[in-house]
N, C-alpha and C. Protein backbone atom coordinates (compact mmCIF):
# COMPACT_ATOMS: atom_id res chain seq x y z
N MET A 1 62.56 100.81 104.86
CA MET A 1 63.68 101.14 104.71
C MET A 1 62.99 102.76 105.61
N LYS A 2 63.36 102.81 106.67
CA LYS A 2 62.83 103.41 107.55
C LYS A 2 62.84 105.25 107.06
N LYS A 3 62.12 106.06 107.01
CA LYS A 3 62.44 107.68 106.76
C LYS A 3 62.42 108.31 108.00
N ASP A 4 62.61 108.78 107.61
CA ASP A 4 62.99 110.00 108.65
C ASP A 4 62.28 110.98 108.62
N ARG A 5 61.31 111.12 110.27
CA ARG A 5 60.05 111.91 109.78
C ARG A 5 60.45 112.93 110.67
N ASN A 6 62.24 113.74 110.62
CA ASN A 6 62.08 115.72 110.40
C ASN A 6 62.34 115.25 108.19
N TYR A 7 62.69 115.15 107.17
CA TYR A 7 62.99 114.97 106.46
C TYR A 7 62.68 113.90 105.46
N PRO A 8 61.79 113.84 105.42
CA PRO A 8 60.63 113.17 104.65
C PRO A 8 60.56 113.27 103.66
N ASN A 9 61.84 112.62 102.41
CA ASN A 9 61.70 113.10 100.76
C ASN A 9 62.29 114.44 100.91
N LYS A 10 62.67 114.95 101.66
CA LYS A 10 62.32 116.14 101.37
C LYS A 10 63.39 117.47 100.29
N ARG A 11 63.54 117.11 99.29
CA ARG A 11 64.48 118.54 98.57
C ARG A 11 65.54 119.59 98.23
N GLU A 12 64.55 119.99 99.61
CA GLU A 12 65.26 121.67 100.09
C GLU A 12 64.68 121.84 100.91
N LEU A 13 66.58 122.05 101.15
CA LEU A 13 66.71 121.06 102.68
C LEU A 13 67.11 123.78 102.89
N THR A 14 66.65 123.66 104.75
CA THR A 14 66.63 124.66 105.67
C THR A 14 68.38 125.43 105.86
N PRO A 15 68.93 126.29 106.03
CA PRO A 15 70.27 126.16 106.59
C PRO A 15 69.95 125.91 107.38
N GLY A 16 69.20 125.30 108.58
CA GLY A 16 68.82 125.41 109.68
C GLY A 16 68.40 123.72 110.12
N ASP A 17 68.57 122.78 109.14
CA ASP A 17 68.17 121.34 108.77
C ASP A 17 69.61 120.87 108.01
N VAL A 18 70.31 121.65 107.26
CA VAL A 18 71.38 120.76 107.14
C VAL A 18 72.85 122.06 108.26
N ALA A 19 72.42 122.14 108.70
CA ALA A 19 73.79 122.70 110.34
C ALA A 19 72.99 121.22 111.29
N LYS A 20 72.82 120.86 111.48
CA LYS A 20 71.48 119.48 112.09
C LYS A 20 71.65 118.48 111.67
N ARG A 21 72.17 118.00 110.64
CA ARG A 21 72.01 117.04 110.09
C ARG A 21 73.98 116.73 109.64
N CYS A 22 74.39 117.97 109.80
CA CYS A 22 76.24 117.67 109.38
C CYS A 22 76.63 118.15 110.14
N GLY A 23 76.09 118.77 111.78
CA GLY A 23 77.21 118.83 113.16
C GLY A 23 78.55 120.79 112.76
N VAL A 24 77.24 121.23 111.83
CA VAL A 24 78.02 122.68 112.30
C VAL A 24 77.03 124.46 112.22
N ALA A 25 77.61 124.54 111.84
CA ALA A 25 76.78 125.78 112.80
C ALA A 25 76.20 126.76 111.31
N VAL A 26 75.37 127.69 111.78
CA VAL A 26 74.83 127.56 110.00
C VAL A 26 75.42 128.47 109.97
N SER A 27 76.32 130.02 110.47
CA SER A 27 77.51 130.84 110.15
C SER A 27 79.24 129.93 109.97
N ALA A 28 78.43 128.19 110.06
CA ALA A 28 79.44 127.95 108.78
C ALA A 28 79.55 127.75 107.91
N LEU A 29 77.50 127.30 107.90
CA LEU A 29 77.23 126.84 106.23
C LEU A 29 77.65 128.49 105.13
N HIS A 30 77.16 129.80 106.24
CA HIS A 30 77.06 130.93 105.00
C HIS A 30 79.26 130.98 104.57
N PHE A 31 79.66 130.70 105.89
CA PHE A 31 81.34 131.04 105.49
C PHE A 31 80.94 129.79 104.31
N TYR A 32 80.77 128.42 104.45
CA TYR A 32 81.76 127.90 103.17
C TYR A 32 80.59 128.82 101.79
N GLU A 33 79.72 128.91 102.07
CA GLU A 33 79.74 129.79 100.27
C GLU A 33 79.56 129.78 100.28
N SER A 34 80.23 131.27 101.81
CA SER A 34 81.13 132.64 100.87
C SER A 34 82.24 132.16 99.92
N LYS A 35 82.19 131.28 100.00
CA LYS A 35 84.11 130.98 99.74
C LYS A 35 84.27 129.91 98.83
N GLY A 36 82.75 129.61 97.95
CA GLY A 36 82.66 128.87 96.98
C GLY A 36 82.47 127.64 96.50
N LEU A 37 82.57 126.87 98.49
CA LEU A 37 82.23 125.38 98.58
C LEU A 37 81.30 125.06 98.57
N ILE A 38 79.97 125.45 98.62
CA ILE A 38 79.12 125.29 98.91
C ILE A 38 77.48 126.66 98.02
N SER A 39 76.83 125.17 97.79
CA SER A 39 75.69 126.96 97.36
C SER A 39 74.37 126.04 97.89
N SER A 40 74.08 127.35 97.66
CA SER A 40 72.41 127.57 97.97
C SER A 40 71.61 128.41 97.14
N PHE A 41 70.00 128.17 97.27
CA PHE A 41 69.11 129.14 95.85
C PHE A 41 68.56 129.58 96.98
N ARG A 42 67.39 130.61 96.94
CA ARG A 42 66.55 131.39 97.34
C ARG A 42 64.50 131.23 96.73
N ASN A 43 63.95 130.05 97.61
CA ASN A 43 62.39 130.76 97.46
C ASN A 43 61.68 131.39 96.84
N ALA A 44 61.02 130.68 97.14
CA ALA A 44 59.82 132.14 96.64
C ALA A 44 60.07 132.83 98.04
N GLY A 45 59.25 132.65 98.78
CA GLY A 45 59.54 133.61 99.99
C GLY A 45 60.96 134.52 100.54
N ASN A 46 62.14 134.04 99.74
CA ASN A 46 63.27 134.52 99.39
C ASN A 46 64.23 133.84 100.43
N GLN A 47 63.64 132.62 100.64
CA GLN A 47 64.49 132.16 101.67
C GLN A 47 65.54 131.01 101.62
N ARG A 48 66.72 131.06 102.23
CA ARG A 48 67.53 130.18 101.85
C ARG A 48 67.48 128.68 101.74
N ARG A 49 68.00 128.31 100.15
CA ARG A 49 67.33 126.18 100.97
C ARG A 49 68.55 126.09 99.59
N TYR A 50 68.89 125.47 100.35
CA TYR A 50 69.99 123.46 100.12
C TYR A 50 69.56 122.45 99.66
N THR A 51 69.69 122.25 98.42
CA THR A 51 69.95 121.38 97.61
C THR A 51 70.42 120.15 98.80
N ARG A 52 69.43 118.81 98.62
CA ARG A 52 70.92 117.61 99.66
C ARG A 52 72.28 116.75 98.91
N ASP A 53 72.22 117.55 98.03
CA ASP A 53 74.34 117.64 97.46
C ASP A 53 74.82 117.67 98.54
N VAL A 54 74.79 119.24 98.55
CA VAL A 54 74.93 120.15 99.73
C VAL A 54 75.56 119.54 101.20
N LEU A 55 74.37 118.07 101.35
CA LEU A 55 75.33 117.81 102.78
C LEU A 55 76.26 116.88 102.88
N ARG A 56 76.42 115.70 101.53
CA ARG A 56 78.15 115.00 100.04
C ARG A 56 78.85 115.66 100.94
N ARG A 57 78.77 117.32 100.03
CA ARG A 57 80.00 118.69 100.34
C ARG A 57 80.32 119.07 101.29
N VAL A 58 79.59 119.54 102.69
CA VAL A 58 80.11 119.98 103.63
C VAL A 58 80.33 118.38 104.02
N ALA A 59 80.35 117.36 103.86
CA ALA A 59 81.36 115.97 104.76
C ALA A 59 82.39 115.81 104.22
N ILE A 60 82.56 116.57 102.76
CA ILE A 60 83.48 116.96 102.18
C ILE A 60 84.71 117.49 102.77
N VAL A 61 83.80 119.52 102.91
CA VAL A 61 84.20 119.09 103.58
C VAL A 61 85.17 119.78 104.84
N LYS A 62 84.26 118.56 105.28
CA LYS A 62 84.62 118.23 107.14
C LYS A 62 85.65 117.69 107.20
N ILE A 63 85.70 116.66 106.54
CA ILE A 63 86.91 115.83 105.61
C ILE A 63 89.06 116.34 105.97
N ALA A 64 88.45 117.01 104.69
CA ALA A 64 88.99 117.41 104.42
C ALA A 64 89.93 117.94 105.15
N GLN A 65 88.88 119.17 106.39
CA GLN A 65 90.05 120.09 106.62
C GLN A 65 90.24 119.39 107.97
N ARG A 66 89.58 118.65 108.42
CA ARG A 66 90.13 117.46 109.88
C ARG A 66 91.51 117.41 109.36
N ILE A 67 91.86 116.88 107.84
CA ILE A 67 93.25 116.65 107.69
C ILE A 67 94.50 116.96 106.96
N GLY A 68 94.18 118.74 108.02
CA GLY A 68 94.37 119.74 107.64
C GLY A 68 95.13 120.82 106.05
N ILE A 69 93.57 119.95 104.68
CA ILE A 69 93.63 120.79 103.71
C ILE A 69 93.19 122.19 104.03
N PRO A 70 94.45 122.64 103.71
CA PRO A 70 93.18 124.59 104.08
C PRO A 70 92.48 125.01 102.57
N LEU A 71 91.23 125.91 103.81
CA LEU A 71 90.16 125.88 103.12
C LEU A 71 90.30 126.24 101.22
N ALA A 72 91.29 127.17 100.87
CA ALA A 72 92.00 127.24 99.87
C ALA A 72 91.29 126.70 98.60
N THR A 73 92.49 125.47 98.44
CA THR A 73 93.09 124.41 97.72
C THR A 73 91.48 123.02 98.34
N ILE A 74 90.64 123.14 99.06
CA ILE A 74 89.48 122.54 99.14
C ILE A 74 88.16 122.85 98.19
N GLY A 75 88.09 124.32 97.71
CA GLY A 75 87.48 125.01 96.67
C GLY A 75 88.61 125.29 95.46
N GLU A 76 89.17 125.14 95.47
CA GLU A 76 89.87 124.70 94.11
C GLU A 76 89.70 123.58 93.58
N HIS A 77 89.43 122.40 94.33
CA HIS A 77 89.10 121.42 93.74
C HIS A 77 87.71 121.02 94.04
N LEU A 78 86.60 121.06 94.32
CA LEU A 78 85.51 121.12 94.89
C LEU A 78 85.24 121.92 93.98
N MET A 79 86.02 122.99 93.47
CA MET A 79 85.32 124.20 92.19
C MET A 79 85.10 123.06 90.78
N GLN A 80 86.00 121.60 90.41
CA GLN A 80 85.65 120.87 89.51
C GLN A 80 84.63 119.68 88.81
N PHE A 81 84.11 120.18 90.38
CA PHE A 81 82.74 120.32 90.55
C PHE A 81 80.72 120.67 90.72
N SER A 82 80.45 120.04 89.95
CA SER A 82 79.46 120.44 89.67
C SER A 82 78.72 120.94 91.14
N PRO A 83 78.15 122.14 91.64
CA PRO A 83 77.06 121.88 92.96
C PRO A 83 75.68 121.45 92.00
N GLY A 84 74.95 121.06 92.75
CA GLY A 84 73.67 121.06 92.76
C GLY A 84 73.28 119.21 92.30
N THR A 85 74.59 119.00 91.28
CA THR A 85 75.38 116.93 91.76
C THR A 85 76.10 115.89 92.75
N ARG A 86 75.62 114.38 92.75
CA ARG A 86 76.31 113.83 93.54
C ARG A 86 77.67 113.90 92.58
N MET A 87 78.08 113.55 93.44
CA MET A 87 79.55 113.35 93.23
C MET A 87 79.80 111.47 92.78
N THR A 88 80.07 111.46 91.63
CA THR A 88 80.58 110.29 91.39
C THR A 88 81.35 109.82 92.31
N PRO A 89 81.78 107.82 92.55
CA PRO A 89 82.94 107.58 93.19
C PRO A 89 83.85 107.98 91.97
N LYS A 90 84.29 107.77 90.68
CA LYS A 90 84.96 107.72 89.98
C LYS A 90 85.30 109.91 90.65
N GLU A 91 84.87 111.33 90.72
CA GLU A 91 85.31 111.59 90.84
C GLU A 91 86.07 111.81 92.66
N TRP A 92 85.18 111.56 93.44
CA TRP A 92 85.31 110.57 94.52
C TRP A 92 86.99 110.45 94.29
N ARG A 93 87.08 110.13 94.19
CA ARG A 93 88.94 109.23 93.99
C ARG A 93 89.57 110.01 93.35
N LEU A 94 89.35 110.72 92.30
CA LEU A 94 90.74 112.59 91.73
C LEU A 94 90.57 113.11 92.64
N LEU A 95 89.32 113.18 94.19
CA LEU A 95 89.57 114.76 95.33
C LEU A 95 90.86 114.45 95.05
N THR A 96 90.57 112.68 95.74
CA THR A 96 91.10 111.54 96.88
C THR A 96 92.59 111.61 96.51
N GLU A 97 92.87 111.06 95.29
CA GLU A 97 94.79 111.05 94.65
C GLU A 97 95.30 112.52 95.56
N ARG A 98 94.79 113.90 95.19
CA ARG A 98 95.04 115.13 95.34
C ARG A 98 95.73 115.13 96.34
N TRP A 99 94.37 114.74 97.53
CA TRP A 99 94.64 115.50 98.68
C TRP A 99 95.49 114.36 99.67
N ARG A 100 96.20 112.99 98.51
CA ARG A 100 97.04 112.22 98.98
C ARG A 100 98.16 113.05 98.94
N GLU A 101 98.50 112.93 97.73
CA GLU A 101 99.90 114.56 97.17
C GLU A 101 99.87 115.41 98.39
N GLU A 102 99.26 116.40 98.68
CA GLU A 102 99.35 117.51 99.72
C GLU A 102 99.76 116.61 100.99
N LEU A 103 98.86 115.60 101.57
CA LEU A 103 99.05 115.42 102.97
C LEU A 103 100.71 115.05 102.08
N ASP A 104 100.96 113.98 101.08
CA ASP A 104 102.80 113.14 101.38
C ASP A 104 103.51 114.08 101.21
N ARG A 105 103.65 114.91 100.63
CA ARG A 105 103.94 117.41 101.15
C ARG A 105 104.47 117.84 102.71
N ARG A 106 102.98 117.15 102.81
CA ARG A 106 103.03 117.84 104.25
C ARG A 106 103.38 116.27 105.35
N ILE A 107 103.70 115.41 104.55
CA ILE A 107 104.07 114.55 105.89
C ILE A 107 105.85 114.42 105.12
N ALA A 108 106.61 114.38 104.53
CA ALA A 108 108.22 115.22 104.52
C ALA A 108 108.72 115.88 104.82
N THR A 109 107.60 116.79 104.50
CA THR A 109 108.26 118.63 104.91
C THR A 109 107.96 118.41 106.83
N LEU A 110 107.52 117.98 107.61
CA LEU A 110 106.43 117.41 108.51
C LEU A 110 108.11 116.63 109.29
N THR A 111 108.44 115.37 108.61
CA THR A 111 109.63 114.37 108.84
C THR A 111 110.39 115.55 109.08
N ARG A 112 111.18 116.24 107.82
CA ARG A 112 112.03 116.84 107.97
C ARG A 112 112.23 117.71 109.24
N LEU A 113 111.72 118.61 109.33
CA LEU A 113 111.58 119.69 110.69
C LEU A 113 111.58 118.39 111.76
N LYS A 114 110.94 117.30 112.13
CA LYS A 114 111.23 117.04 113.37
C LYS A 114 113.08 115.88 112.83
N ASP A 115 112.73 116.05 111.64
CA ASP A 115 114.65 115.07 111.80
C ASP A 115 115.75 116.63 112.12
N ASP A 116 115.64 117.65 111.55
CA ASP A 116 116.37 118.42 111.58
C ASP A 116 116.51 119.08 112.68
N LEU A 117 115.10 119.24 113.54
CA LEU A 117 115.40 119.28 114.82
C LEU A 117 116.03 118.98 116.00
N ASP A 118 115.75 117.57 115.91
CA ASP A 118 116.83 116.17 116.29
C ASP A 118 118.12 116.97 116.18
N GLY A 119 118.96 116.95 114.85
CA GLY A 119 119.34 116.89 114.78
C GLY A 119 120.33 118.46 115.73
N CYS A 120 119.76 119.64 115.36
CA CYS A 120 120.21 120.38 116.15
C CYS A 120 119.99 120.84 117.08
N ILE A 121 119.28 119.44 117.52
CA ILE A 121 119.44 119.76 119.67
C ILE A 121 120.35 118.94 120.11
N GLY A 122 120.64 118.08 119.29
CA GLY A 122 122.54 117.52 118.98
C GLY A 122 123.25 117.78 119.03
N CYS A 123 122.98 119.27 118.06
CA CYS A 123 124.43 119.17 118.22
C CYS A 123 125.01 120.03 119.21
N GLY A 124 123.96 120.60 119.98
CA GLY A 124 124.09 121.45 121.18
C GLY A 124 124.77 122.95 121.45
N CYS A 125 124.99 123.42 119.77
CA CYS A 125 125.83 124.60 119.27
C CYS A 125 124.13 125.91 120.05
N LEU A 126 123.31 125.67 119.49
CA LEU A 126 121.92 126.71 120.47
C LEU A 126 122.82 128.22 118.89
N SER A 127 123.47 128.32 118.52
CA SER A 127 123.81 129.19 117.12
C SER A 127 121.81 129.90 116.62
N MET A 128 121.94 130.73 116.55
CA MET A 128 120.69 131.23 115.93
C MET A 128 121.92 131.48 114.46
N ALA A 129 123.12 132.77 114.56
CA ALA A 129 123.66 132.41 112.97
C ALA A 129 124.41 131.93 112.56
N ASP A 130 124.81 130.90 113.81
CA ASP A 130 126.30 130.23 112.71
C ASP A 130 125.72 128.36 112.87
N CYS A 131 124.96 127.99 112.48
CA CYS A 131 124.89 126.31 113.63
C CYS A 131 125.12 125.79 111.92
N PRO A 132 125.82 124.19 111.98
CA PRO A 132 126.80 124.22 111.50
C PRO A 132 125.81 123.23 110.68
N LEU A 133 125.19 122.74 111.03
CA LEU A 133 124.22 122.02 110.74
C LEU A 133 122.96 122.53 109.54
N ARG A 134 122.79 123.94 110.41
CA ARG A 134 121.23 124.61 108.87
C ARG A 134 121.46 125.57 108.65
N ASN A 135 123.33 126.47 109.37
CA ASN A 135 123.11 127.64 108.37
C ASN A 135 125.14 127.92 108.40
N PRO A 136 125.52 127.24 108.25
CA PRO A 136 127.23 127.40 108.28
C PRO A 136 127.57 128.11 107.57
N ASP A 137 128.04 129.46 108.18
CA ASP A 137 128.32 130.07 107.79
C ASP A 137 127.91 131.42 107.93
N ASP A 138 126.31 131.58 108.18
CA ASP A 138 125.49 132.42 108.15
C ASP A 138 124.98 132.71 107.09
N ARG A 139 125.73 131.54 106.03
CA ARG A 139 124.36 131.60 104.33
C ARG A 139 122.79 132.57 104.17
N LEU A 140 122.68 132.03 104.72
CA LEU A 140 120.99 131.79 105.05
C LEU A 140 121.09 134.02 105.77
N GLY A 141 121.94 134.98 106.09
CA GLY A 141 121.98 135.63 107.06
C GLY A 141 121.78 136.26 105.24
N GLU A 142 122.20 136.72 104.65
CA GLU A 142 122.73 137.46 102.51
C GLU A 142 120.62 137.59 102.69
N ARG A 143 120.32 136.65 103.03
CA ARG A 143 118.78 136.62 101.55
C ARG A 143 117.54 137.14 102.92
N GLY A 144 118.38 137.10 104.06
CA GLY A 144 116.79 138.05 105.00
C GLY A 144 117.37 137.33 105.41
N THR A 145 115.72 138.09 106.86
CA THR A 145 115.49 137.75 108.42
C THR A 145 114.68 137.20 108.49
N GLY A 146 113.92 136.18 109.21
CA GLY A 146 113.35 135.88 109.48
C GLY A 146 113.42 133.53 109.94
N ALA A 147 112.06 133.21 109.54
CA ALA A 147 112.18 131.61 109.50
C ALA A 147 112.43 131.28 108.17
N ILE A 148 113.87 131.13 107.50
CA ILE A 148 113.15 131.19 106.28
C ILE A 148 113.14 129.47 104.98
N LEU A 149 113.80 128.78 106.32
CA LEU A 149 113.96 127.87 106.03
C LEU A 149 112.78 126.76 106.69
N LEU A 150 111.93 126.95 107.60
CA LEU A 150 110.41 127.01 107.29
C LEU A 150 109.94 126.80 105.80
N GLU A 151 109.87 126.17 105.19
CA GLU A 151 109.18 125.78 103.46
C GLU A 151 110.45 125.43 102.89
N PRO A 152 111.12 123.94 102.34
CA PRO A 152 112.23 123.77 101.45
C PRO A 152 112.53 124.86 100.57
N GLU A 153 113.94 124.27 101.07
CA GLU A 153 114.47 124.72 99.55
C GLU A 153 114.27 124.62 98.16
N ARG A 154 113.93 125.49 97.07
CA ARG A 154 113.21 125.20 96.12
C ARG A 154 114.87 125.09 94.48
N ASP A 155 114.68 126.08 95.01
CA ASP A 155 116.10 126.66 94.35
C ASP A 155 117.63 126.38 94.46
N ARG A 156 117.81 125.34 94.58
CA ARG A 156 118.96 124.41 94.64
C ARG A 156 119.50 123.81 93.49
């Protein structure tokens, strides 16, 4: 196995090292740290350093962001795994199962919105107050103003 000249057996990584290897800005690392997604420590010269496991954690954050998982959810899930240790395959499966559930909910919501949009376009009424498909007899007007139906109705 060929050793990387820039990082030979390096146990501590600088923010610049991590940023370069992960393809993110140093400011993104600081932001992730402020949100509790990754952690660092200070060396004897009071400089920020990261352990090598941060490379995988940043990759996980980037993957989750790419599929649309909110940072708060990412942080909530990552808190269950110790920083400074490598995530096991079993832990990764647990994490991705939760994300699959989240994605399934999002897909269902988007599908419903798409189908409802097609129905409203097909209806042709263009009514904001009394659409026979989405708001018969303006029943939603009693619940307030705004985009009330963007989230699924759970109390029915």
